[in-house]
Amino acid sequence: MTASVETVTVKVLLFASYADWIGRDTVEVSLPAPATVADLVRQLRDELPQADRLPTRPLTAINAVHATADSPLREGDEVALLPPLAGG
């Protein structure tokens, strides 16, 4: 009998230059559980073309609430990766 690996699947929202680099504004990602924002960013950088351009610690939000690299991810979360804002 083989043990199944639990996963957590999240929807990633990409904005501005991040969406431009990756070529889309959303992506669904499955990660081994338990998972954090840092795990998600690492997997994106490793697996998606041009995602290696993402910072290792981008500004993030989970379900529209500010998150940090060590914030845990839960099944069905919506994770936004937000590029730095410029303007005046």
N, C-alpha and C. Protein backbone atom coordinates (compact mmCIF):
# COMPACT_ATOMS: atom_id res chain seq x y z
N MET A 1 0.85 -1.18 0.00
CA MET A 1 0.00 0.00 0.00
C MET A 1 0.89 1.24 0.00
N THR A 2 0.66 2.14 -0.92
CA THR A 2 1.46 3.35 -0.99
C THR A 2 0.75 4.48 -0.26
N ALA A 3 1.54 5.27 0.43
CA ALA A 3 0.99 6.41 1.15
C ALA A 3 0.75 7.55 0.17
N SER A 4 -0.40 8.17 0.28
CA SER A 4 -0.67 9.30 -0.60
C SER A 4 -0.12 10.57 0.04
N VAL A 5 0.35 11.43 -0.81
CA VAL A 5 0.89 12.70 -0.35
C VAL A 5 -0.25 13.72 -0.37
N GLU A 6 -0.48 14.35 0.77
CA GLU A 6 -1.51 15.38 0.82
C GLU A 6 -1.01 16.62 0.10
N THR A 7 -1.92 17.28 -0.59
CA THR A 7 -1.56 18.51 -1.29
C THR A 7 -2.54 19.61 -0.92
N VAL A 8 -2.12 20.82 -1.21
CA VAL A 8 -2.98 21.99 -1.08
C VAL A 8 -2.94 22.69 -2.44
N THR A 9 -4.11 23.02 -2.96
CA THR A 9 -4.20 23.69 -4.26
C THR A 9 -4.69 25.11 -4.04
N VAL A 10 -3.95 26.06 -4.62
CA VAL A 10 -4.29 27.48 -4.47
C VAL A 10 -4.35 28.14 -5.84
N LYS A 11 -5.07 29.24 -5.89
CA LYS A 11 -5.12 30.06 -7.10
C LYS A 11 -4.19 31.24 -6.88
N VAL A 12 -3.27 31.45 -7.83
CA VAL A 12 -2.31 32.54 -7.73
C VAL A 12 -2.73 33.64 -8.70
N LEU A 13 -2.82 34.86 -8.18
CA LEU A 13 -3.13 36.03 -8.99
C LEU A 13 -1.82 36.79 -9.23
N LEU A 14 -1.55 37.08 -10.48
CA LEU A 14 -0.32 37.79 -10.85
C LEU A 14 -0.70 39.15 -11.43
N PHE A 15 0.04 40.18 -11.05
CA PHE A 15 -0.28 41.53 -11.49
C PHE A 15 0.89 42.19 -12.21
N ALA A 16 0.55 43.12 -13.09
CA ALA A 16 1.52 44.00 -13.77
C ALA A 16 2.67 43.21 -14.38
N SER A 17 3.90 43.56 -14.03
CA SER A 17 5.08 42.93 -14.64
C SER A 17 5.12 41.43 -14.38
N TYR A 18 4.63 40.97 -13.22
CA TYR A 18 4.64 39.54 -12.93
C TYR A 18 3.78 38.79 -13.94
N ALA A 19 2.60 39.31 -14.24
CA ALA A 19 1.72 38.69 -15.24
C ALA A 19 2.36 38.76 -16.62
N ASP A 20 3.01 39.88 -16.93
CA ASP A 20 3.67 40.02 -18.23
C ASP A 20 4.77 38.98 -18.40
N TRP A 21 5.59 38.79 -17.38
CA TRP A 21 6.70 37.83 -17.46
C TRP A 21 6.21 36.42 -17.68
N ILE A 22 5.16 36.05 -16.96
CA ILE A 22 4.68 34.67 -16.97
C ILE A 22 3.68 34.42 -18.10
N GLY A 23 3.10 35.50 -18.62
CA GLY A 23 2.20 35.37 -19.76
C GLY A 23 0.76 35.07 -19.41
N ARG A 24 0.40 35.21 -18.16
CA ARG A 24 -0.99 35.05 -17.74
C ARG A 24 -1.17 35.71 -16.38
N ASP A 25 -2.42 35.96 -16.02
CA ASP A 25 -2.66 36.66 -14.75
C ASP A 25 -3.14 35.75 -13.63
N THR A 26 -3.42 34.49 -13.94
CA THR A 26 -3.76 33.53 -12.89
C THR A 26 -3.12 32.18 -13.21
N VAL A 27 -2.85 31.44 -12.17
CA VAL A 27 -2.35 30.08 -12.33
C VAL A 27 -2.79 29.28 -11.10
N GLU A 28 -3.15 28.03 -11.31
CA GLU A 28 -3.50 27.16 -10.20
C GLU A 28 -2.29 26.29 -9.89
N VAL A 29 -1.95 26.20 -8.61
CA VAL A 29 -0.76 25.47 -8.19
C VAL A 29 -1.12 24.49 -7.08
N SER A 30 -0.62 23.27 -7.19
CA SER A 30 -0.75 22.27 -6.13
C SER A 30 0.61 22.06 -5.50
N LEU A 31 0.64 22.09 -4.17
CA LEU A 31 1.88 21.93 -3.41
C LEU A 31 1.70 20.84 -2.37
N PRO A 32 2.79 20.19 -1.99
CA PRO A 32 2.70 19.24 -0.87
C PRO A 32 2.32 19.99 0.41
N ALA A 33 1.41 19.40 1.17
CA ALA A 33 0.99 20.01 2.44
C ALA A 33 1.89 19.51 3.56
N PRO A 34 2.15 20.32 4.56
CA PRO A 34 1.75 21.72 4.70
C PRO A 34 2.62 22.61 3.80
N ALA A 35 2.07 23.74 3.39
CA ALA A 35 2.78 24.65 2.49
C ALA A 35 2.66 26.09 2.99
N THR A 36 3.67 26.87 2.64
CA THR A 36 3.70 28.30 2.98
C THR A 36 3.81 29.12 1.71
N VAL A 37 3.69 30.43 1.87
CA VAL A 37 3.88 31.34 0.74
C VAL A 37 5.28 31.14 0.14
N ALA A 38 6.29 30.99 0.98
CA ALA A 38 7.66 30.77 0.47
C ALA A 38 7.74 29.52 -0.38
N ASP A 39 7.06 28.44 0.03
CA ASP A 39 7.04 27.21 -0.77
C ASP A 39 6.40 27.46 -2.13
N LEU A 40 5.31 28.22 -2.13
CA LEU A 40 4.61 28.55 -3.37
C LEU A 40 5.52 29.33 -4.31
N VAL A 41 6.15 30.37 -3.81
CA VAL A 41 7.02 31.21 -4.66
C VAL A 41 8.17 30.37 -5.20
N ARG A 42 8.75 29.53 -4.36
CA ARG A 42 9.86 28.67 -4.80
C ARG A 42 9.40 27.74 -5.93
N GLN A 43 8.22 27.14 -5.78
CA GLN A 43 7.71 26.25 -6.82
C GLN A 43 7.42 27.01 -8.11
N LEU A 44 6.83 28.19 -8.01
CA LEU A 44 6.57 28.99 -9.20
C LEU A 44 7.88 29.31 -9.92
N ARG A 45 8.88 29.76 -9.16
CA ARG A 45 10.18 30.14 -9.74
C ARG A 45 10.86 28.94 -10.42
N ASP A 46 10.64 27.75 -9.87
CA ASP A 46 11.27 26.55 -10.43
C ASP A 46 10.54 25.99 -11.65
N GLU A 47 9.22 26.16 -11.71
CA GLU A 47 8.44 25.43 -12.70
C GLU A 47 7.88 26.24 -13.86
N LEU A 48 7.66 27.53 -13.68
CA LEU A 48 7.05 28.31 -14.75
C LEU A 48 8.10 29.09 -15.54
N PRO A 49 7.98 29.09 -16.87
CA PRO A 49 8.91 29.90 -17.67
C PRO A 49 8.86 31.36 -17.25
N GLN A 50 10.00 31.96 -17.12
CA GLN A 50 10.18 33.37 -16.76
C GLN A 50 9.85 33.68 -15.30
N ALA A 51 9.33 32.73 -14.55
CA ALA A 51 8.99 32.99 -13.15
C ALA A 51 10.23 33.12 -12.28
N ASP A 52 11.37 32.71 -12.80
CA ASP A 52 12.61 32.91 -12.04
C ASP A 52 12.92 34.39 -11.87
N ARG A 53 12.22 35.24 -12.61
CA ARG A 53 12.38 36.69 -12.47
C ARG A 53 11.63 37.23 -11.25
N LEU A 54 10.71 36.43 -10.71
CA LEU A 54 9.99 36.86 -9.51
C LEU A 54 10.97 36.99 -8.35
N PRO A 55 10.78 37.97 -7.49
CA PRO A 55 11.62 38.05 -6.29
C PRO A 55 11.36 36.84 -5.40
N THR A 56 12.35 36.47 -4.61
CA THR A 56 12.18 35.32 -3.73
C THR A 56 11.19 35.62 -2.60
N ARG A 57 10.99 36.90 -2.29
CA ARG A 57 10.04 37.29 -1.23
C ARG A 57 9.17 38.46 -1.72
N PRO A 58 8.28 38.19 -2.68
CA PRO A 58 7.43 39.28 -3.17
C PRO A 58 6.39 39.68 -2.13
N LEU A 59 5.84 40.86 -2.31
CA LEU A 59 4.71 41.30 -1.50
C LEU A 59 3.54 40.38 -1.84
N THR A 60 2.89 39.82 -0.82
CA THR A 60 1.82 38.85 -1.06
C THR A 60 0.60 39.14 -0.19
N ALA A 61 -0.52 38.60 -0.65
CA ALA A 61 -1.75 38.61 0.13
C ALA A 61 -2.43 37.27 -0.06
N ILE A 62 -3.03 36.77 1.01
CA ILE A 62 -3.83 35.54 0.94
C ILE A 62 -5.26 35.95 1.23
N ASN A 63 -6.13 35.68 0.27
CA ASN A 63 -7.55 36.04 0.41
C ASN A 63 -7.70 37.51 0.79
N ALA A 64 -6.93 38.37 0.11
CA ALA A 64 -6.96 39.83 0.25
C ALA A 64 -6.45 40.34 1.59
N VAL A 65 -5.70 39.52 2.34
CA VAL A 65 -5.10 39.93 3.60
C VAL A 65 -3.59 39.78 3.48
N HIS A 66 -2.85 40.84 3.88
CA HIS A 66 -1.38 40.81 3.80
C HIS A 66 -0.84 39.51 4.37
N ALA A 67 0.16 38.94 3.68
CA ALA A 67 0.78 37.69 4.11
C ALA A 67 2.29 37.83 4.07
N THR A 68 2.97 36.96 4.80
CA THR A 68 4.43 36.92 4.81
C THR A 68 4.89 35.58 4.24
N ALA A 69 6.19 35.43 4.05
CA ALA A 69 6.75 34.22 3.47
C ALA A 69 6.38 32.97 4.26
N ASP A 70 6.25 33.10 5.57
CA ASP A 70 5.95 31.92 6.39
C ASP A 70 4.46 31.73 6.66
N SER A 71 3.62 32.53 6.00
CA SER A 71 2.17 32.35 6.15
C SER A 71 1.74 31.01 5.55
N PRO A 72 0.93 30.23 6.30
CA PRO A 72 0.50 28.94 5.79
C PRO A 72 -0.57 29.08 4.70
N LEU A 73 -0.57 28.13 3.80
CA LEU A 73 -1.57 28.08 2.74
C LEU A 73 -2.56 26.97 3.05
N ARG A 74 -3.83 27.25 2.72
CA ARG A 74 -4.89 26.26 2.90
C ARG A 74 -5.56 26.00 1.56
N GLU A 75 -6.15 24.85 1.44
CA GLU A 75 -6.86 24.46 0.23
C GLU A 75 -7.82 25.57 -0.20
N GLY A 76 -7.73 25.95 -1.48
CA GLY A 76 -8.64 26.93 -2.04
C GLY A 76 -8.27 28.38 -1.82
N ASP A 77 -7.15 28.64 -1.13
CA ASP A 77 -6.74 30.04 -0.92
C ASP A 77 -6.48 30.73 -2.25
N GLU A 78 -6.65 32.05 -2.25
CA GLU A 78 -6.32 32.90 -3.39
C GLU A 78 -5.12 33.74 -2.96
N VAL A 79 -4.00 33.54 -3.64
CA VAL A 79 -2.75 34.20 -3.26
C VAL A 79 -2.39 35.22 -4.34
N ALA A 80 -2.27 36.47 -3.94
CA ALA A 80 -1.89 37.54 -4.87
C ALA A 80 -0.41 37.83 -4.70
N LEU A 81 0.30 37.89 -5.84
CA LEU A 81 1.70 38.32 -5.85
C LEU A 81 1.72 39.73 -6.43
N LEU A 82 2.17 40.67 -5.62
CA LEU A 82 2.06 42.10 -5.96
C LEU A 82 3.43 42.71 -6.20
N PRO A 83 3.66 43.23 -7.41
CA PRO A 83 4.94 43.88 -7.68
C PRO A 83 5.02 45.21 -6.92
N PRO A 84 6.24 45.71 -6.75
CA PRO A 84 6.38 47.02 -6.09
C PRO A 84 5.61 48.08 -6.88
N LEU A 85 5.05 49.01 -6.15
CA LEU A 85 4.30 50.10 -6.78
C LEU A 85 5.18 51.33 -6.88
N ALA A 86 5.05 52.04 -7.98
CA ALA A 86 5.79 53.28 -8.16
C ALA A 86 4.78 54.38 -8.47
N GLY A 87 5.17 55.56 -8.24
CA GLY A 87 4.28 56.67 -8.56
C GLY A 87 4.49 57.82 -7.61
N GLY A 88 3.68 58.80 -7.77
CA GLY A 88 3.87 59.94 -6.90
C GLY A 88 2.66 60.79 -6.79
